All heavy atoms as atom14 arrays in JSON, in Angstrom:
{
  "sequence": "VYGNSVLGNVFFYIFQLATAFILAVAANTGFSAFPMLSFNMAKNKYMP",
  "atom14_mask": [
    [1, 1, 1, 1, 1, 1, 1, 0, 0, 0, 0, 0, 0, 0],
    [1, 1, 1, 1, 1, 1, 1, 1, 1, 1, 1, 1, 0, 0],
    [1, 1, 1, 1, 0, 0, 0, 0, 0, 0, 0, 0, 0, 0],
    [1, 1, 1, 1, 1, 1, 1, 1, 0, 0, 0, 0, 0, 0],
    [1, 1, 1, 1, 1, 1, 0, 0, 0, 0, 0, 0, 0, 0],
    [1, 1, 1, 1, 1, 1, 1, 0, 0, 0, 0, 0, 0, 0],
    [1, 1, 1, 1, 1, 1, 1, 1, 0, 0, 0, 0, 0, 0],
    [1, 1, 1, 1, 0, 0, 0, 0, 0, 0, 0, 0, 0, 0],
    [1, 1, 1, 1, 1, 1, 1, 1, 0, 0, 0, 0, 0, 0],
    [1, 1, 1, 1, 1, 1, 1, 0, 0, 0, 0, 0, 0, 0],
    [1, 1, 1, 1, 1, 1, 1, 1, 1, 1, 1, 0, 0, 0],
    [1, 1, 1, 1, 1, 1, 1, 1, 1, 1, 1, 0, 0, 0],
    [1, 1, 1, 1, 1, 1, 1, 1, 1, 1, 1, 1, 0, 0],
    [1, 1, 1, 1, 1, 1, 1, 1, 0, 0, 0, 0, 0, 0],
    [1, 1, 1, 1, 1, 1, 1, 1, 1, 1, 1, 0, 0, 0],
    [1, 1, 1, 1, 1, 1, 1, 1, 1, 0, 0, 0, 0, 0],
    [1, 1, 1, 1, 1, 1, 1, 1, 0, 0, 0, 0, 0, 0],
    [1, 1, 1, 1, 1, 0, 0, 0, 0, 0, 0, 0, 0, 0],
    [1, 1, 1, 1, 1, 1, 1, 0, 0, 0, 0, 0, 0, 0],
    [1, 1, 1, 1, 1, 0, 0, 0, 0, 0, 0, 0, 0, 0],
    [1, 1, 1, 1, 1, 1, 1, 1, 1, 1, 1, 0, 0, 0],
    [1, 1, 1, 1, 1, 1, 1, 1, 0, 0, 0, 0, 0, 0],
    [1, 1, 1, 1, 1, 1, 1, 1, 0, 0, 0, 0, 0, 0],
    [1, 1, 1, 1, 1, 0, 0, 0, 0, 0, 0, 0, 0, 0],
    [1, 1, 1, 1, 1, 1, 1, 0, 0, 0, 0, 0, 0, 0],
    [1, 1, 1, 1, 1, 0, 0, 0, 0, 0, 0, 0, 0, 0],
    [1, 1, 1, 1, 1, 0, 0, 0, 0, 0, 0, 0, 0, 0],
    [1, 1, 1, 1, 1, 1, 1, 1, 0, 0, 0, 0, 0, 0],
    [1, 1, 1, 1, 1, 1, 1, 0, 0, 0, 0, 0, 0, 0],
    [1, 1, 1, 1, 0, 0, 0, 0, 0, 0, 0, 0, 0, 0],
    [1, 1, 1, 1, 1, 1, 1, 1, 1, 1, 1, 0, 0, 0],
    [1, 1, 1, 1, 1, 1, 0, 0, 0, 0, 0, 0, 0, 0],
    [1, 1, 1, 1, 1, 0, 0, 0, 0, 0, 0, 0, 0, 0],
    [1, 1, 1, 1, 1, 1, 1, 1, 1, 1, 1, 0, 0, 0],
    [1, 1, 1, 1, 1, 1, 1, 0, 0, 0, 0, 0, 0, 0],
    [1, 1, 1, 1, 1, 1, 1, 1, 0, 0, 0, 0, 0, 0],
    [1, 1, 1, 1, 1, 1, 1, 1, 0, 0, 0, 0, 0, 0],
    [1, 1, 1, 1, 1, 1, 0, 0, 0, 0, 0, 0, 0, 0],
    [1, 1, 1, 1, 1, 1, 1, 1, 1, 1, 1, 0, 0, 0],
    [1, 1, 1, 1, 1, 1, 1, 1, 0, 0, 0, 0, 0, 0],
    [1, 1, 1, 1, 1, 1, 1, 1, 0, 0, 0, 0, 0, 0],
    [1, 1, 1, 1, 1, 0, 0, 0, 0, 0, 0, 0, 0, 0],
    [1, 1, 1, 1, 1, 1, 1, 1, 1, 0, 0, 0, 0, 0],
    [1, 1, 1, 1, 1, 1, 1, 1, 0, 0, 0, 0, 0, 0],
    [1, 1, 1, 1, 1, 1, 1, 1, 1, 0, 0, 0, 0, 0],
    [1, 1, 1, 1, 1, 1, 1, 1, 1, 1, 1, 1, 0, 0],
    [1, 1, 1, 1, 1, 1, 1, 1, 0, 0, 0, 0, 0, 0],
    [1, 1, 1, 1, 1, 1, 1, 0, 0, 0, 0, 0, 0, 0]
  ],
  "atom14_positions": [
    [[129.86, 164.55, 59.04], [129.71, 165.16, 57.71], [129.96, 164.15, 56.61], [129.21, 164.07, 55.63], [130.66, 166.37, 57.57], [130.72, 166.84, 56.11], [130.21, 167.51, 58.46], [0.0, 0.0, 0.0], [0.0, 0.0, 0.0], [0.0, 0.0, 0.0], [0.0, 0.0, 0.0], [0.0, 0.0, 0.0], [0.0, 0.0, 0.0], [0.0, 0.0, 0.0]],
    [[131.01, 163.34, 56.74], [131.38, 162.41, 55.68], [130.59, 161.11, 55.7], [130.5, 160.42, 54.67], [132.88, 162.09, 55.75], [133.75, 163.26, 55.37], [134.84, 163.63, 56.15], [133.49, 164.01, 54.22], [135.65, 164.7, 55.8], [134.3, 165.09, 53.88], [135.37, 165.43, 54.67], [136.16, 166.49, 54.31], [0.0, 0.0, 0.0], [0.0, 0.0, 0.0]],
    [[130.0, 160.76, 56.85], [129.19, 159.56, 56.92], [130.01, 158.29, 56.98], [131.24, 158.31, 57.11], [0.0, 0.0, 0.0], [0.0, 0.0, 0.0], [0.0, 0.0, 0.0], [0.0, 0.0, 0.0], [0.0, 0.0, 0.0], [0.0, 0.0, 0.0], [0.0, 0.0, 0.0], [0.0, 0.0, 0.0], [0.0, 0.0, 0.0], [0.0, 0.0, 0.0]],
    [[129.33, 157.15, 56.85], [129.98, 155.85, 57.02], [130.19, 155.09, 55.72], [130.49, 153.89, 55.74], [129.16, 154.98, 57.98], [129.21, 155.5, 59.41], [130.29, 155.83, 59.91], [128.06, 155.59, 60.06], [0.0, 0.0, 0.0], [0.0, 0.0, 0.0], [0.0, 0.0, 0.0], [0.0, 0.0, 0.0], [0.0, 0.0, 0.0], [0.0, 0.0, 0.0]],
    [[130.02, 155.74, 54.58], [130.27, 155.07, 53.31], [131.77, 154.84, 53.15], [132.59, 155.39, 53.88], [129.75, 155.92, 52.15], [130.49, 157.14, 52.07], [0.0, 0.0, 0.0], [0.0, 0.0, 0.0], [0.0, 0.0, 0.0], [0.0, 0.0, 0.0], [0.0, 0.0, 0.0], [0.0, 0.0, 0.0], [0.0, 0.0, 0.0], [0.0, 0.0, 0.0]],
    [[132.14, 154.01, 52.17], [133.55, 153.73, 51.91], [134.29, 155.02, 51.57], [135.36, 155.32, 52.11], [133.7, 152.71, 50.76], [135.18, 152.54, 50.41], [133.09, 151.37, 51.16], [0.0, 0.0, 0.0], [0.0, 0.0, 0.0], [0.0, 0.0, 0.0], [0.0, 0.0, 0.0], [0.0, 0.0, 0.0], [0.0, 0.0, 0.0], [0.0, 0.0, 0.0]],
    [[133.69, 155.83, 50.67], [134.33, 157.08, 50.28], [134.38, 158.04, 51.46], [135.38, 158.75, 51.66], [133.55, 157.73, 49.12], [134.18, 158.99, 48.51], [135.56, 158.68, 47.97], [133.27, 159.55, 47.42], [0.0, 0.0, 0.0], [0.0, 0.0, 0.0], [0.0, 0.0, 0.0], [0.0, 0.0, 0.0], [0.0, 0.0, 0.0], [0.0, 0.0, 0.0]],
    [[133.31, 158.05, 52.28], [133.28, 158.9, 53.46], [134.38, 158.55, 54.44], [135.03, 159.43, 55.02], [0.0, 0.0, 0.0], [0.0, 0.0, 0.0], [0.0, 0.0, 0.0], [0.0, 0.0, 0.0], [0.0, 0.0, 0.0], [0.0, 0.0, 0.0], [0.0, 0.0, 0.0], [0.0, 0.0, 0.0], [0.0, 0.0, 0.0], [0.0, 0.0, 0.0]],
    [[134.61, 157.25, 54.62], [135.69, 156.81, 55.52], [137.06, 157.2, 54.99], [137.96, 157.57, 55.76], [135.62, 155.29, 55.71], [134.51, 154.88, 56.66], [134.17, 155.62, 57.58], [133.92, 153.71, 56.43], [0.0, 0.0, 0.0], [0.0, 0.0, 0.0], [0.0, 0.0, 0.0], [0.0, 0.0, 0.0], [0.0, 0.0, 0.0], [0.0, 0.0, 0.0]],
    [[137.23, 157.14, 53.66], [138.5, 157.56, 53.06], [138.75, 159.04, 53.35], [139.84, 159.44, 53.78], [138.5, 157.3, 51.53], [139.71, 157.97, 50.88], [138.49, 155.81, 51.25], [0.0, 0.0, 0.0], [0.0, 0.0, 0.0], [0.0, 0.0, 0.0], [0.0, 0.0, 0.0], [0.0, 0.0, 0.0], [0.0, 0.0, 0.0], [0.0, 0.0, 0.0]],
    [[137.71, 159.87, 53.12], [137.84, 161.3, 53.4], [138.13, 161.56, 54.88], [138.93, 162.43, 55.23], [136.56, 162.05, 53.0], [136.43, 162.29, 51.53], [135.21, 162.16, 50.9], [137.53, 162.64, 50.77], [135.07, 162.39, 49.54], [137.42, 162.88, 49.41], [136.19, 162.75, 48.79], [0.0, 0.0, 0.0], [0.0, 0.0, 0.0], [0.0, 0.0, 0.0]],
    [[137.48, 160.79, 55.75], [137.66, 160.97, 57.19], [139.1, 160.68, 57.59], [139.72, 161.45, 58.34], [136.71, 160.06, 57.96], [136.95, 160.06, 59.45], [136.59, 161.15, 60.24], [137.56, 158.97, 60.07], [136.83, 161.15, 61.61], [137.8, 158.96, 61.43], [137.43, 160.05, 62.2], [0.0, 0.0, 0.0], [0.0, 0.0, 0.0], [0.0, 0.0, 0.0]],
    [[139.67, 159.57, 57.1], [141.03, 159.22, 57.51], [142.06, 160.16, 56.91], [143.1, 160.45, 57.53], [141.31, 157.76, 57.15], [140.66, 156.79, 58.11], [139.6, 155.98, 57.71], [141.07, 156.73, 59.44], [138.98, 155.11, 58.59], [140.46, 155.87, 60.34], [139.41, 155.06, 59.91], [138.8, 154.22, 60.81], [0.0, 0.0, 0.0], [0.0, 0.0, 0.0]],
    [[141.82, 160.66, 55.71], [142.71, 161.68, 55.14], [142.67, 162.93, 56.01], [143.71, 163.56, 56.3], [142.3, 162.02, 53.69], [142.58, 160.84, 52.77], [143.04, 163.28, 53.2], [142.08, 161.03, 51.36], [0.0, 0.0, 0.0], [0.0, 0.0, 0.0], [0.0, 0.0, 0.0], [0.0, 0.0, 0.0], [0.0, 0.0, 0.0], [0.0, 0.0, 0.0]],
    [[141.46, 163.29, 56.46], [141.28, 164.46, 57.32], [142.03, 164.28, 58.63], [142.73, 165.2, 59.09], [139.79, 164.68, 57.59], [139.5, 165.89, 58.43], [139.41, 167.14, 57.86], [139.31, 165.77, 59.81], [139.15, 168.26, 58.64], [139.06, 166.88, 60.59], [138.97, 168.13, 60.0], [0.0, 0.0, 0.0], [0.0, 0.0, 0.0], [0.0, 0.0, 0.0]],
    [[141.91, 163.12, 59.26], [142.6, 162.84, 60.51], [144.12, 162.84, 60.33], [144.86, 163.33, 61.2], [142.16, 161.49, 61.08], [140.75, 161.51, 61.68], [140.67, 162.45, 62.87], [140.28, 163.61, 62.71], [141.03, 161.98, 64.05], [0.0, 0.0, 0.0], [0.0, 0.0, 0.0], [0.0, 0.0, 0.0], [0.0, 0.0, 0.0], [0.0, 0.0, 0.0]],
    [[144.58, 162.31, 59.2], [146.0, 162.31, 58.91], [146.52, 163.74, 58.77], [147.57, 164.1, 59.31], [146.27, 161.54, 57.62], [147.73, 161.39, 57.19], [148.5, 160.53, 58.2], [147.81, 160.78, 55.8], [0.0, 0.0, 0.0], [0.0, 0.0, 0.0], [0.0, 0.0, 0.0], [0.0, 0.0, 0.0], [0.0, 0.0, 0.0], [0.0, 0.0, 0.0]],
    [[145.76, 164.58, 58.08], [146.14, 165.99, 57.9], [146.19, 166.71, 59.24], [147.09, 167.53, 59.49], [145.16, 166.68, 56.96], [0.0, 0.0, 0.0], [0.0, 0.0, 0.0], [0.0, 0.0, 0.0], [0.0, 0.0, 0.0], [0.0, 0.0, 0.0], [0.0, 0.0, 0.0], [0.0, 0.0, 0.0], [0.0, 0.0, 0.0], [0.0, 0.0, 0.0]],
    [[145.23, 166.41, 60.12], [145.2, 167.04, 61.44], [146.4, 166.62, 62.28], [147.04, 167.45, 62.94], [143.9, 166.67, 62.18], [142.77, 167.05, 61.38], [143.81, 167.38, 63.52], [0.0, 0.0, 0.0], [0.0, 0.0, 0.0], [0.0, 0.0, 0.0], [0.0, 0.0, 0.0], [0.0, 0.0, 0.0], [0.0, 0.0, 0.0], [0.0, 0.0, 0.0]],
    [[146.73, 165.33, 62.24], [147.9, 164.84, 62.99], [149.18, 165.5, 62.47], [150.05, 165.9, 63.25], [148.0, 163.32, 62.87], [0.0, 0.0, 0.0], [0.0, 0.0, 0.0], [0.0, 0.0, 0.0], [0.0, 0.0, 0.0], [0.0, 0.0, 0.0], [0.0, 0.0, 0.0], [0.0, 0.0, 0.0], [0.0, 0.0, 0.0], [0.0, 0.0, 0.0]],
    [[149.29, 165.63, 61.15], [150.48, 166.25, 60.55], [150.64, 167.7, 61.0], [151.71, 168.14, 61.38], [150.39, 166.19, 59.02], [150.86, 164.89, 58.43], [150.55, 164.55, 57.12], [151.62, 163.99, 59.17], [150.99, 163.35, 56.57], [152.05, 162.8, 58.64], [151.74, 162.48, 57.32], [0.0, 0.0, 0.0], [0.0, 0.0, 0.0], [0.0, 0.0, 0.0]],
    [[149.54, 168.48, 60.93], [149.64, 169.9, 61.24], [149.98, 170.11, 62.72], [150.73, 171.01, 63.07], [148.35, 170.67, 60.88], [148.57, 172.18, 60.91], [147.2, 170.3, 61.8], [149.38, 172.73, 59.8], [0.0, 0.0, 0.0], [0.0, 0.0, 0.0], [0.0, 0.0, 0.0], [0.0, 0.0, 0.0], [0.0, 0.0, 0.0], [0.0, 0.0, 0.0]],
    [[149.45, 169.25, 63.58], [149.76, 169.36, 65.0], [151.23, 169.03, 65.26], [151.88, 169.66, 66.1], [148.86, 168.43, 65.82], [147.41, 168.9, 65.98], [146.55, 167.78, 66.56], [147.33, 170.12, 66.88], [0.0, 0.0, 0.0], [0.0, 0.0, 0.0], [0.0, 0.0, 0.0], [0.0, 0.0, 0.0], [0.0, 0.0, 0.0], [0.0, 0.0, 0.0]],
    [[151.74, 168.07, 64.52], [153.13, 167.67, 64.73], [154.11, 168.74, 64.26], [155.17, 168.94, 64.86], [153.41, 166.34, 64.0], [0.0, 0.0, 0.0], [0.0, 0.0, 0.0], [0.0, 0.0, 0.0], [0.0, 0.0, 0.0], [0.0, 0.0, 0.0], [0.0, 0.0, 0.0], [0.0, 0.0, 0.0], [0.0, 0.0, 0.0], [0.0, 0.0, 0.0]],
    [[153.77, 169.44, 63.17], [154.71, 170.42, 62.61], [154.41, 171.86, 63.04], [155.16, 172.77, 62.69], [154.73, 170.36, 61.06], [155.06, 168.96, 60.6], [153.41, 170.83, 60.45], [0.0, 0.0, 0.0], [0.0, 0.0, 0.0], [0.0, 0.0, 0.0], [0.0, 0.0, 0.0], [0.0, 0.0, 0.0], [0.0, 0.0, 0.0], [0.0, 0.0, 0.0]],
    [[153.33, 172.06, 63.81], [152.99, 173.42, 64.25], [154.12, 174.04, 65.06], [154.25, 175.26, 65.13], [151.7, 173.41, 65.08], [0.0, 0.0, 0.0], [0.0, 0.0, 0.0], [0.0, 0.0, 0.0], [0.0, 0.0, 0.0], [0.0, 0.0, 0.0], [0.0, 0.0, 0.0], [0.0, 0.0, 0.0], [0.0, 0.0, 0.0], [0.0, 0.0, 0.0]],
    [[154.92, 173.19, 65.67], [156.06, 173.67, 66.46], [157.02, 174.5, 65.63], [157.8, 175.29, 66.17], [156.8, 172.48, 67.06], [0.0, 0.0, 0.0], [0.0, 0.0, 0.0], [0.0, 0.0, 0.0], [0.0, 0.0, 0.0], [0.0, 0.0, 0.0], [0.0, 0.0, 0.0], [0.0, 0.0, 0.0], [0.0, 0.0, 0.0], [0.0, 0.0, 0.0]],
    [[156.98, 174.36, 64.31], [157.96, 175.04, 63.49], [157.82, 176.56, 63.53], [158.79, 177.28, 63.26], [157.89, 174.57, 62.04], [159.2, 174.79, 61.32], [160.15, 174.04, 61.54], [159.29, 175.84, 60.52], [0.0, 0.0, 0.0], [0.0, 0.0, 0.0], [0.0, 0.0, 0.0], [0.0, 0.0, 0.0], [0.0, 0.0, 0.0], [0.0, 0.0, 0.0]],
    [[156.65, 177.08, 63.87], [156.5, 178.51, 64.04], [157.47, 179.02, 65.09], [158.1, 180.08, 64.92], [155.05, 178.87, 64.44], [154.17, 178.49, 63.37], [154.9, 180.35, 64.71], [0.0, 0.0, 0.0], [0.0, 0.0, 0.0], [0.0, 0.0, 0.0], [0.0, 0.0, 0.0], [0.0, 0.0, 0.0], [0.0, 0.0, 0.0], [0.0, 0.0, 0.0]],
    [[157.61, 178.29, 66.17], [158.57, 178.67, 67.21], [160.0, 178.63, 66.7], [160.8, 179.52, 67.01], [0.0, 0.0, 0.0], [0.0, 0.0, 0.0], [0.0, 0.0, 0.0], [0.0, 0.0, 0.0], [0.0, 0.0, 0.0], [0.0, 0.0, 0.0], [0.0, 0.0, 0.0], [0.0, 0.0, 0.0], [0.0, 0.0, 0.0], [0.0, 0.0, 0.0]],
    [[160.33, 177.62, 65.89], [161.68, 177.52, 65.35], [162.0, 178.66, 64.38], [163.17, 178.99, 64.16], [161.86, 176.17, 64.63], [162.18, 175.04, 65.56], [161.21, 174.12, 65.92], [163.45, 174.89, 66.09], [161.5, 173.08, 66.78], [163.76, 173.86, 66.95], [162.78, 172.95, 67.3], [0.0, 0.0, 0.0], [0.0, 0.0, 0.0], [0.0, 0.0, 0.0]],
    [[160.96, 179.25, 63.79], [161.18, 180.37, 62.88], [161.31, 181.68, 63.63], [162.15, 182.52, 63.28], [160.0, 180.46, 61.89], [159.79, 179.24, 61.23], [0.0, 0.0, 0.0], [0.0, 0.0, 0.0], [0.0, 0.0, 0.0], [0.0, 0.0, 0.0], [0.0, 0.0, 0.0], [0.0, 0.0, 0.0], [0.0, 0.0, 0.0], [0.0, 0.0, 0.0]],
    [[160.46, 181.88, 64.65], [160.38, 183.18, 65.32], [161.39, 183.33, 66.47], [161.9, 184.43, 66.71], [158.96, 183.41, 65.84], [0.0, 0.0, 0.0], [0.0, 0.0, 0.0], [0.0, 0.0, 0.0], [0.0, 0.0, 0.0], [0.0, 0.0, 0.0], [0.0, 0.0, 0.0], [0.0, 0.0, 0.0], [0.0, 0.0, 0.0], [0.0, 0.0, 0.0]],
    [[161.67, 182.26, 67.21], [162.58, 182.33, 68.36], [163.97, 182.84, 67.97], [164.5, 183.74, 68.63], [162.66, 180.96, 69.04], [163.51, 180.93, 70.28], [162.93, 181.01, 71.54], [164.9, 180.8, 70.21], [163.71, 180.96, 72.7], [165.68, 180.75, 71.35], [165.09, 180.84, 72.59], [0.0, 0.0, 0.0], [0.0, 0.0, 0.0], [0.0, 0.0, 0.0]],
    [[164.6, 182.29, 66.92], [165.95, 182.78, 66.58], [165.98, 184.26, 66.2], [166.94, 184.96, 66.52], [166.34, 181.89, 65.38], [165.5, 180.66, 65.54], [164.21, 181.15, 66.09], [0.0, 0.0, 0.0], [0.0, 0.0, 0.0], [0.0, 0.0, 0.0], [0.0, 0.0, 0.0], [0.0, 0.0, 0.0], [0.0, 0.0, 0.0], [0.0, 0.0, 0.0]],
    [[164.92, 184.74, 65.52], [164.9, 186.14, 65.12], [164.72, 187.05, 66.33], [165.34, 188.11, 66.43], [163.76, 186.37, 64.12], [163.9, 187.63, 63.3], [165.33, 187.56, 62.21], [166.01, 189.2, 62.43], [0.0, 0.0, 0.0], [0.0, 0.0, 0.0], [0.0, 0.0, 0.0], [0.0, 0.0, 0.0], [0.0, 0.0, 0.0], [0.0, 0.0, 0.0]],
    [[163.86, 186.65, 67.27], [163.67, 187.43, 68.49], [164.96, 187.42, 69.32], [165.37, 188.46, 69.86], [162.51, 186.85, 69.3], [162.23, 187.49, 70.67], [161.96, 188.99, 70.52], [161.06, 186.8, 71.36], [0.0, 0.0, 0.0], [0.0, 0.0, 0.0], [0.0, 0.0, 0.0], [0.0, 0.0, 0.0], [0.0, 0.0, 0.0], [0.0, 0.0, 0.0]],
    [[165.62, 186.27, 69.4], [166.89, 186.18, 70.13], [167.93, 187.11, 69.51], [168.71, 187.76, 70.22], [167.42, 184.74, 70.1], [166.5, 183.86, 70.7], [0.0, 0.0, 0.0], [0.0, 0.0, 0.0], [0.0, 0.0, 0.0], [0.0, 0.0, 0.0], [0.0, 0.0, 0.0], [0.0, 0.0, 0.0], [0.0, 0.0, 0.0], [0.0, 0.0, 0.0]],
    [[167.96, 187.16, 68.17], [168.88, 188.04, 67.47], [168.64, 189.51, 67.86], [169.58, 190.25, 68.17], [168.71, 187.88, 65.95], [169.41, 188.93, 65.13], [170.76, 188.8, 64.83], [168.74, 190.05, 64.69], [171.43, 189.77, 64.09], [169.39, 191.03, 63.94], [170.73, 190.89, 63.65], [0.0, 0.0, 0.0], [0.0, 0.0, 0.0], [0.0, 0.0, 0.0]],
    [[167.38, 189.93, 67.86], [167.06, 191.32, 68.2], [167.41, 191.65, 69.64], [167.9, 192.75, 69.93], [165.57, 191.59, 67.94], [165.29, 191.89, 66.49], [165.61, 192.95, 65.96], [164.69, 190.92, 65.8], [0.0, 0.0, 0.0], [0.0, 0.0, 0.0], [0.0, 0.0, 0.0], [0.0, 0.0, 0.0], [0.0, 0.0, 0.0], [0.0, 0.0, 0.0]],
    [[167.19, 190.7, 70.56], [167.54, 190.94, 71.95], [169.05, 190.92, 72.16], [169.6, 191.69, 72.96], [166.85, 189.92, 72.86], [165.32, 190.04, 72.83], [164.48, 188.94, 73.99], [164.86, 189.75, 75.54], [0.0, 0.0, 0.0], [0.0, 0.0, 0.0], [0.0, 0.0, 0.0], [0.0, 0.0, 0.0], [0.0, 0.0, 0.0], [0.0, 0.0, 0.0]],
    [[169.75, 190.06, 71.42], [171.22, 190.02, 71.51], [171.83, 191.3, 70.94], [172.84, 191.8, 71.44], [171.75, 188.8, 70.76], [0.0, 0.0, 0.0], [0.0, 0.0, 0.0], [0.0, 0.0, 0.0], [0.0, 0.0, 0.0], [0.0, 0.0, 0.0], [0.0, 0.0, 0.0], [0.0, 0.0, 0.0], [0.0, 0.0, 0.0], [0.0, 0.0, 0.0]],
    [[171.19, 191.85, 69.9], [171.66, 193.09, 69.3], [171.61, 194.23, 70.32], [172.44, 195.14, 70.3], [170.8, 193.42, 68.08], [171.32, 194.54, 67.22], [170.57, 194.59, 65.88], [169.08, 194.84, 66.1], [168.37, 195.01, 64.82], [0.0, 0.0, 0.0], [0.0, 0.0, 0.0], [0.0, 0.0, 0.0], [0.0, 0.0, 0.0], [0.0, 0.0, 0.0]],
    [[170.63, 194.16, 71.24], [170.51, 195.16, 72.31], [171.25, 194.75, 73.57], [171.08, 195.37, 74.62], [169.04, 195.41, 72.63], [168.31, 196.07, 71.48], [168.91, 196.79, 70.69], [167.0, 195.82, 71.37], [0.0, 0.0, 0.0], [0.0, 0.0, 0.0], [0.0, 0.0, 0.0], [0.0, 0.0, 0.0], [0.0, 0.0, 0.0], [0.0, 0.0, 0.0]],
    [[172.05, 193.67, 73.46], [172.93, 193.2, 74.54], [172.17, 192.62, 75.75], [172.68, 192.61, 76.86], [173.89, 194.3, 75.01], [174.74, 194.89, 73.89], [175.76, 195.86, 74.42], [176.5, 196.58, 73.29], [177.14, 195.67, 72.35], [0.0, 0.0, 0.0], [0.0, 0.0, 0.0], [0.0, 0.0, 0.0], [0.0, 0.0, 0.0], [0.0, 0.0, 0.0]],
    [[170.95, 192.13, 75.52], [170.2, 191.47, 76.58], [170.32, 189.95, 76.51], [169.87, 189.24, 77.4], [168.73, 191.86, 76.54], [168.47, 193.28, 76.99], [168.04, 194.26, 76.1], [168.68, 193.66, 78.32], [167.81, 195.57, 76.51], [168.47, 194.96, 78.74], [168.03, 195.9, 77.84], [167.82, 197.2, 78.26], [0.0, 0.0, 0.0], [0.0, 0.0, 0.0]],
    [[170.9, 189.46, 75.41], [171.2, 188.04, 75.28], [172.62, 187.91, 74.73], [173.13, 188.85, 74.1], [170.18, 187.34, 74.37], [168.8, 187.22, 75.01], [167.61, 186.31, 74.01], [168.29, 184.64, 74.1], [0.0, 0.0, 0.0], [0.0, 0.0, 0.0], [0.0, 0.0, 0.0], [0.0, 0.0, 0.0], [0.0, 0.0, 0.0], [0.0, 0.0, 0.0]],
    [[173.28, 186.77, 74.94], [174.66, 186.62, 74.45], [174.77, 186.86, 72.94], [173.86, 186.52, 72.18], [174.98, 185.16, 74.8], [174.09, 184.84, 75.96], [172.82, 185.6, 75.71], [0.0, 0.0, 0.0], [0.0, 0.0, 0.0], [0.0, 0.0, 0.0], [0.0, 0.0, 0.0], [0.0, 0.0, 0.0], [0.0, 0.0, 0.0], [0.0, 0.0, 0.0]]
  ]
}
């Protein structure tokens, strides 16, 4: 889509950088949801 022009290459590398970033931080969904689920299960005495 961006082609091989100088500007196209700039857009491409920004795009790749954004993709690498999102993949690296996607794990944070687990860090947000796991503690809340653990809390609810502990409230029902199924977890410490």
